[in-house]
Protein backbone atom coordinates (compact mmCIF):
# COMPACT_ATOMS: atom_id res chain seq x y z
CA MET A 1 56.64 -56.18 -34.44
CA ASP A 2 58.86 -56.62 -37.48
CA VAL A 3 56.14 -55.17 -39.71
CA SER A 4 55.84 -52.04 -37.56
CA MET A 5 59.60 -51.58 -37.62
CA ALA A 6 59.69 -51.94 -41.39
CA LEU A 7 56.90 -49.40 -41.78
CA SER A 8 58.66 -46.98 -39.45
CA GLU A 9 61.89 -47.34 -41.47
CA LYS A 10 60.01 -46.65 -44.73
CA ALA A 11 58.32 -43.64 -43.11
CA GLU A 12 61.76 -42.32 -42.16
CA LYS A 13 62.93 -42.82 -45.75
CA VAL A 14 59.93 -40.90 -47.06
CA THR A 15 60.71 -38.11 -44.61
CA ASP A 16 64.30 -38.04 -45.84
CA VAL A 17 63.03 -37.91 -49.42
CA LEU A 18 60.79 -34.95 -48.65
CA SER A 19 63.65 -33.10 -47.01
CA ALA A 20 66.15 -33.81 -49.79
CA LEU A 21 64.18 -32.57 -52.78
CA VAL A 22 65.97 -30.11 -55.05
CA VAL A 23 62.95 -27.85 -55.63
CA PRO A 24 61.62 -25.67 -52.83
CA VAL A 25 60.81 -27.96 -49.96
CA ALA A 26 57.57 -26.35 -48.80
CA CYS A 27 55.98 -26.24 -52.22
CA ASP A 28 57.04 -29.76 -53.21
CA THR A 29 56.09 -31.27 -49.86
CA VAL A 30 52.56 -29.91 -50.14
CA GLY A 31 52.26 -31.13 -53.74
CA LEU A 32 53.60 -34.59 -52.90
CA ARG A 33 51.34 -34.97 -49.87
CA TYR A 34 48.34 -34.03 -52.01
CA ILE A 35 49.36 -36.54 -54.69
CA LEU A 36 49.84 -39.34 -52.17
CA GLY A 37 46.47 -38.44 -50.63
CA ARG A 38 44.83 -38.91 -54.03
CA VAL A 39 46.61 -42.26 -54.41
CA ARG A 40 45.32 -43.31 -51.00
CA ALA A 41 41.77 -42.32 -52.07
CA MET A 42 41.94 -44.87 -54.88
CA CYS A 43 41.73 -47.62 -52.22
CA ARG A 44 44.05 -49.84 -54.24
CA HIS A 45 47.27 -49.61 -52.25
CA SER A 46 48.43 -50.29 -48.75
CA GLN A 47 50.49 -47.77 -46.84
CA ALA A 48 53.68 -49.67 -47.66
CA GLU A 49 52.85 -49.56 -51.38
CA ILE A 50 52.13 -45.84 -51.16
CA ASP A 51 55.52 -45.32 -49.51
CA ALA A 52 57.14 -47.29 -52.35
CA ILE A 53 55.37 -45.04 -54.89
CA ALA A 54 56.76 -42.00 -53.06
CA LEU A 55 60.31 -43.34 -53.26
CA VAL A 56 60.11 -44.20 -56.97
CA LEU A 57 58.37 -40.90 -57.64
CA HIS A 58 61.25 -39.02 -56.05
CA ASP A 59 63.81 -40.97 -58.10
CA VAL A 60 61.97 -40.27 -61.37
CA ARG A 61 61.44 -36.62 -60.47
CA LEU A 62 65.16 -36.06 -59.99
CA ARG A 63 65.81 -37.18 -63.57
CA PHE A 64 62.83 -35.53 -65.30
CA HIS A 65 61.96 -32.48 -63.21
CA LEU A 66 65.14 -31.11 -61.69
CA CYS A 67 64.64 -27.45 -62.66
CA LYS A 68 61.69 -25.29 -63.60
CA ASN A 69 62.56 -24.87 -67.30
CA ASN A 70 63.97 -28.35 -67.79
CA TRP A 71 62.94 -28.46 -71.45
CA LEU A 72 65.52 -25.77 -72.20
CA GLN A 73 68.41 -28.04 -71.24
CA HIS A 74 70.55 -29.77 -73.87
CA VAL A 75 69.13 -33.22 -73.24
CA PRO A 76 67.28 -35.06 -76.06
CA PRO A 77 63.53 -35.19 -75.47
CA ILE A 78 61.71 -38.47 -74.99
CA PHE A 79 58.45 -39.28 -76.77
CA ILE A 80 56.41 -41.98 -75.08
CA GLY A 81 53.03 -43.63 -75.39
CA PHE A 82 51.25 -45.22 -72.45
CA HIS A 83 48.13 -47.26 -71.81
CA GLY A 84 46.22 -48.89 -68.99
CA PHE A 85 42.84 -49.85 -67.56
CA ALA A 86 41.18 -47.61 -64.97
CA THR A 87 38.18 -45.46 -64.17
CA ASP A 88 38.09 -41.73 -64.82
CA PHE A 89 39.14 -40.94 -61.26
CA GLU A 90 41.92 -43.50 -61.21
CA ARG A 91 43.27 -42.28 -64.55
CA SER A 92 43.21 -38.69 -63.28
CA VAL A 93 45.21 -39.65 -60.19
CA PHE A 94 47.63 -41.69 -62.29
CA LEU A 95 48.23 -38.79 -64.68
CA ARG A 96 48.59 -36.33 -61.78
CA VAL A 97 51.39 -38.48 -60.42
CA PHE A 98 52.90 -38.72 -63.89
CA LYS A 99 52.81 -34.93 -64.32
CA HIS A 100 54.27 -34.39 -60.86
CA ALA A 101 57.13 -36.75 -61.68
CA THR A 102 58.05 -35.65 -65.20
CA LYS A 103 56.46 -32.26 -65.91
CA PRO A 104 55.65 -33.18 -69.54
CA ARG A 105 55.61 -30.43 -72.11
CA VAL A 106 52.65 -32.08 -73.90
CA LEU A 107 50.31 -34.67 -72.41
CA HIS A 108 47.20 -36.12 -74.01
CA SER A 109 45.10 -39.11 -73.00
CA THR A 110 41.65 -40.46 -73.90
CA PHE A 111 39.54 -43.54 -73.33
CA LEU A 112 39.32 -45.93 -76.27
CA PRO A 113 36.23 -47.96 -77.27
CA SER A 114 37.86 -51.04 -75.71
CA GLY A 115 37.58 -49.40 -72.27
CA ALA A 116 41.29 -48.81 -71.85
CA PHE A 117 42.90 -45.42 -71.75
CA GLU A 118 45.82 -44.49 -73.98
CA GLY A 119 47.94 -41.42 -74.29
CA PHE A 120 51.23 -39.91 -75.31
CA ALA A 121 53.61 -37.41 -73.77
CA ILE A 122 56.59 -35.31 -74.77
CA LEU A 123 59.16 -35.27 -71.99
CA HIS A 124 62.28 -33.14 -71.57
CA PRO A 125 64.43 -34.88 -68.95
CA THR A 126 67.11 -32.93 -67.14
CA THR A 127 69.72 -35.69 -67.10
CA SER A 128 70.98 -38.06 -69.76
CA GLY A 129 70.37 -40.95 -67.39
CA ALA A 130 66.59 -40.71 -67.73
CA ASP A 131 64.99 -43.55 -69.67
CA VAL A 132 61.65 -45.20 -70.24
CA GLN A 133 62.43 -48.13 -67.94
CA GLN A 134 62.21 -45.84 -64.90
CA LEU A 135 58.72 -44.78 -65.94
CA GLU A 136 57.80 -48.43 -66.44
CA THR A 137 58.78 -49.11 -62.83
CA LEU A 138 56.57 -46.26 -61.62
CA PHE A 139 53.61 -47.36 -63.76
CA GLU A 140 53.72 -50.93 -62.48
CA LEU A 141 53.08 -49.72 -58.92
CA PHE A 142 49.58 -48.48 -59.84
CA LYS A 143 48.05 -51.92 -60.56
CA MET A 144 46.34 -50.73 -63.77
CA SER A 145 48.10 -53.04 -66.25
CA ALA A 146 49.77 -49.83 -67.34
CA GLY A 147 52.60 -49.88 -69.83
CA VAL A 148 54.83 -47.37 -71.56
CA THR A 149 56.39 -47.44 -75.05
CA ASP A 150 59.23 -45.40 -76.50
CA LEU A 151 57.86 -43.84 -79.71
CA GLY A 152 61.26 -43.11 -81.17
CA LYS A 153 61.86 -39.89 -83.09
CA TYR A 154 59.61 -36.86 -83.22
CA MET A 155 56.57 -37.49 -85.42
CA SER A 156 57.81 -40.91 -86.46
CA ALA A 157 55.32 -43.46 -87.81
CA PRO A 158 54.68 -45.01 -84.34
CA MET A 159 54.15 -41.57 -82.79
CA VAL A 160 51.72 -40.48 -85.53
CA ALA A 161 49.79 -43.74 -85.19
CA CYS A 162 49.62 -43.32 -81.40
CA ILE A 163 48.34 -39.73 -81.66
CA GLU A 164 45.77 -40.83 -84.23
CA ARG A 165 44.43 -43.52 -81.90
CA VAL A 166 44.33 -41.15 -78.94
CA GLU A 167 42.54 -38.49 -80.99
CA GLY A 168 39.84 -41.03 -81.80
CA GLY A 169 39.01 -41.61 -78.13
CA VAL A 170 36.66 -39.89 -75.69
CA ARG A 171 37.00 -37.99 -72.41
CA PRO A 172 40.33 -36.29 -73.18
CA TYR A 173 42.81 -35.29 -70.52
CA GLY A 174 45.83 -33.07 -71.12
CA ASN A 175 47.01 -29.98 -72.95
CA PHE A 176 47.31 -31.25 -76.54
CA ARG A 177 44.53 -28.91 -77.70
CA SER A 178 45.91 -25.89 -75.88
CA LEU A 179 47.80 -22.96 -77.39
CA ARG A 180 51.09 -24.22 -76.01
CA ALA A 181 50.84 -27.43 -78.05
CA GLY A 182 49.91 -25.63 -81.28
CA ASN A 183 53.23 -26.42 -82.96
CA VAL A 184 52.86 -30.10 -82.06
CA ARG A 185 49.38 -30.24 -83.58
CA THR A 186 50.67 -28.55 -86.74
CA ALA A 187 53.53 -31.04 -87.03
CA TYR A 188 51.05 -33.89 -86.48
CA VAL A 189 48.77 -32.66 -89.30
CA HIS A 190 51.73 -32.35 -91.68
CA ALA A 191 52.95 -35.83 -90.73
CA MET A 192 49.46 -37.25 -91.36
CA MET A 193 49.31 -35.60 -94.79
CA LYS A 194 52.77 -36.91 -95.65
CA ARG A 195 51.82 -40.43 -94.55
CA ASP A 196 48.53 -40.42 -96.50
CA THR A 197 50.31 -39.16 -99.61
CA ALA A 198 52.87 -41.95 -99.34
CA VAL A 199 50.07 -44.52 -99.01
CA GLN A 200 48.33 -43.12 -102.10
CA MET A 201 51.57 -43.16 -104.09
CA GLU A 202 52.19 -46.76 -103.12
CA ARG A 203 48.66 -47.73 -104.14
CA VAL A 204 49.10 -46.10 -107.55
CA ARG A 205 52.41 -47.92 -107.99
CA THR A 206 50.84 -51.25 -106.99
CA GLU A 207 47.78 -51.00 -109.27
CA THR A 208 49.37 -49.39 -112.33
CA GLY A 209 53.00 -50.39 -112.08
CA LEU A 210 53.95 -46.74 -112.59
CA ALA A 211 55.15 -44.09 -110.22
CA PHE A 212 52.80 -41.15 -109.68
CA SER A 213 54.57 -38.47 -111.75
CA PRO A 214 53.56 -35.90 -114.43
CA GLY A 215 55.28 -37.90 -117.17
CA ASN A 216 53.46 -41.13 -116.30
CA MET A 217 50.14 -39.29 -116.01
CA LEU A 218 50.61 -37.88 -119.54
CA SER A 219 51.55 -41.33 -120.80
CA VAL A 220 48.36 -42.83 -119.36
CA HIS A 221 46.32 -39.96 -120.86
CA TYR A 222 47.78 -40.53 -124.33
CA GLN A 223 47.16 -44.26 -124.10
CA LEU A 224 43.54 -43.61 -123.13
CA THR A 225 43.07 -41.16 -126.03
CA ASN A 226 44.57 -43.59 -128.56
CA THR A 227 42.37 -46.41 -127.28
CA GLN A 228 39.26 -44.26 -127.66
CA ILE A 229 40.27 -43.36 -131.24
CA GLU A 230 40.84 -47.02 -132.12
CA LEU A 231 37.49 -48.03 -130.66
CA GLY A 232 35.75 -45.23 -132.57
CA GLN A 233 37.30 -46.47 -135.81
CA ALA A 234 36.22 -50.04 -135.03
CA PHE A 235 32.62 -48.88 -134.47
CA ALA A 236 32.65 -46.95 -137.74
CA LEU A 237 33.75 -50.12 -139.51
CA LEU A 238 30.92 -52.04 -137.87
CA TYR A 239 28.41 -49.39 -139.06
CA ARG A 240 29.63 -49.74 -142.66
CA LEU A 241 29.56 -53.51 -142.46
CA ARG A 242 26.02 -53.41 -141.10
CA MET A 243 24.86 -51.20 -143.99
CA MET A 244 26.52 -53.53 -146.52
CA LEU A 245 24.88 -56.56 -144.98
CA GLY A 246 21.56 -54.78 -145.14
CA VAL A 247 21.62 -54.66 -148.96
CA MET A 248 23.14 -58.09 -149.56
CA PRO A 249 19.83 -60.06 -149.23
CA LEU A 250 18.32 -57.83 -151.90
CA ALA A 251 21.32 -58.43 -154.17
CA LEU A 252 21.01 -62.16 -153.64
CA ASP A 253 17.31 -61.94 -154.36
CA VAL A 254 17.90 -60.16 -157.64
CA ALA A 255 20.55 -62.61 -158.72
CA SER A 256 18.36 -65.58 -157.87
CA ASN A 257 15.34 -63.99 -159.56
CA ASN A 258 17.31 -63.46 -162.74
CA ALA A 259 18.46 -67.06 -162.66
CA THR A 260 15.23 -68.93 -161.71
CA HIS A 261 12.55 -66.19 -161.74
CA VAL A 262 11.00 -67.93 -158.71
CA ILE A 263 10.38 -65.67 -155.72
CA ALA A 264 7.96 -66.59 -152.93
CA GLY A 265 7.42 -62.93 -152.09
CA PRO A 266 8.64 -60.49 -149.58
CA PRO A 267 10.72 -60.31 -147.58
CA TYR A 268 12.99 -61.84 -150.20
CA VAL A 269 12.62 -65.43 -149.11
CA LEU A 270 14.13 -67.42 -152.01
CA ASN A 271 13.07 -70.82 -153.17
CA ASP A 272 16.69 -71.53 -154.08
CA PRO A 273 18.10 -73.54 -151.15
CA GLY A 274 21.60 -72.11 -151.63
CA ALA A 275 20.33 -68.55 -151.63
CA SER A 276 18.24 -69.21 -148.48
CA ILE A 277 21.30 -70.44 -146.58
CA GLN A 278 23.30 -67.40 -147.62
CA THR A 279 20.47 -65.07 -146.66
CA GLN A 280 20.06 -66.73 -143.29
CA PHE A 281 23.80 -66.45 -142.62
CA ILE A 282 23.77 -62.78 -143.50
CA SER A 283 20.71 -62.19 -141.33
CA ASN A 284 22.34 -63.90 -138.36
CA LEU A 285 25.53 -61.89 -138.83
CA GLN A 286 23.53 -58.69 -139.08
CA ALA A 287 21.63 -59.58 -135.90
CA LEU A 288 24.90 -60.06 -134.04
CA ILE A 289 26.18 -56.68 -135.19
CA ASP A 290 22.86 -55.03 -134.30
CA SER A 291 22.88 -56.53 -130.80
CA PHE A 292 26.42 -55.26 -130.20
CA VAL A 293 25.81 -51.80 -131.63
CA ASN A 294 22.43 -51.36 -129.97
CA SER A 295 23.89 -52.24 -126.58
CA THR A 296 25.92 -49.00 -126.76
CA ASP A 297 23.04 -46.85 -128.06
CA HIS A 298 24.69 -46.49 -131.47
CA ALA A 299 27.36 -44.19 -130.06
CA PRO A 300 31.14 -44.46 -130.32
CA PRO A 301 32.39 -45.74 -126.98
CA ARG A 302 34.22 -43.66 -124.44
CA LEU A 303 36.09 -45.33 -121.65
CA ALA A 304 34.43 -44.68 -118.31
CA VAL A 305 37.02 -43.21 -115.98
CA GLU A 306 35.95 -43.91 -112.42
CA VAL A 307 37.01 -41.55 -109.64
CA VAL A 308 38.83 -43.74 -107.15
CA ASP A 309 39.30 -42.61 -103.57
CA LEU A 310 42.93 -43.43 -102.89
CA THR A 311 42.54 -42.84 -99.17
CA VAL A 312 40.35 -45.94 -98.69
């Protein structure tokens, strides 16, 4: 008996809500009845819970959707991100209720690989008393583990990250790709470019210790050129040293031959033990130089400048 009385009281409240709406009664009543019919088709809520959704929906609508062109009023816009777990049909009903309550200027939602749906919206409330907590109350009534987050300023880092995640999802819902949201998409692209440039600058600063500027780029270029010149000079010295070492065994041979006139034969292997040690030392040193020079194909070195993708 008490339950029936409570339900009848809530039904009377819903009737009062429908009759007290600021927008044209006939139009809004039809729209609200359709929305509540879709909520009932979800088979997730009892009649009492549906009546509670109607009451909260009316309260939110008064703050976010008081007049037709509410986004023209001098009230700061609100940028929110939302998420939840639902099927395609349940998400559609949820977003229909959300649109009916707030009339968002831009709304975009997709399903992520995790199975959850995520989205963002740009709202223009009609009163300064509108806040995200009221939307949180409405979302909790849908039993979808739905949540809402205030993204702060327009195209702030959290808002750009949220849009980027939503854009990577599937089965989109909303008007983000419509002509009306063209300026929002343009601002999003510019914000992405600005963020990527800042990340690249920070990576250059971290790896080189220098800021990415024309002066520092010229300094690095001059340092690279000077290093290449120094390495070229070092290789030229090695070439001359190699040629000198090539004739030293013959000089030692001649000196030893003039002193002892004992030569075992080519290739200048001396019977003098001292001369043999000197020749062997020179041969080993020449082999080391040859191995180093041959490893670079007898060419003066040039530093390999690798093209690094700073966006990775």
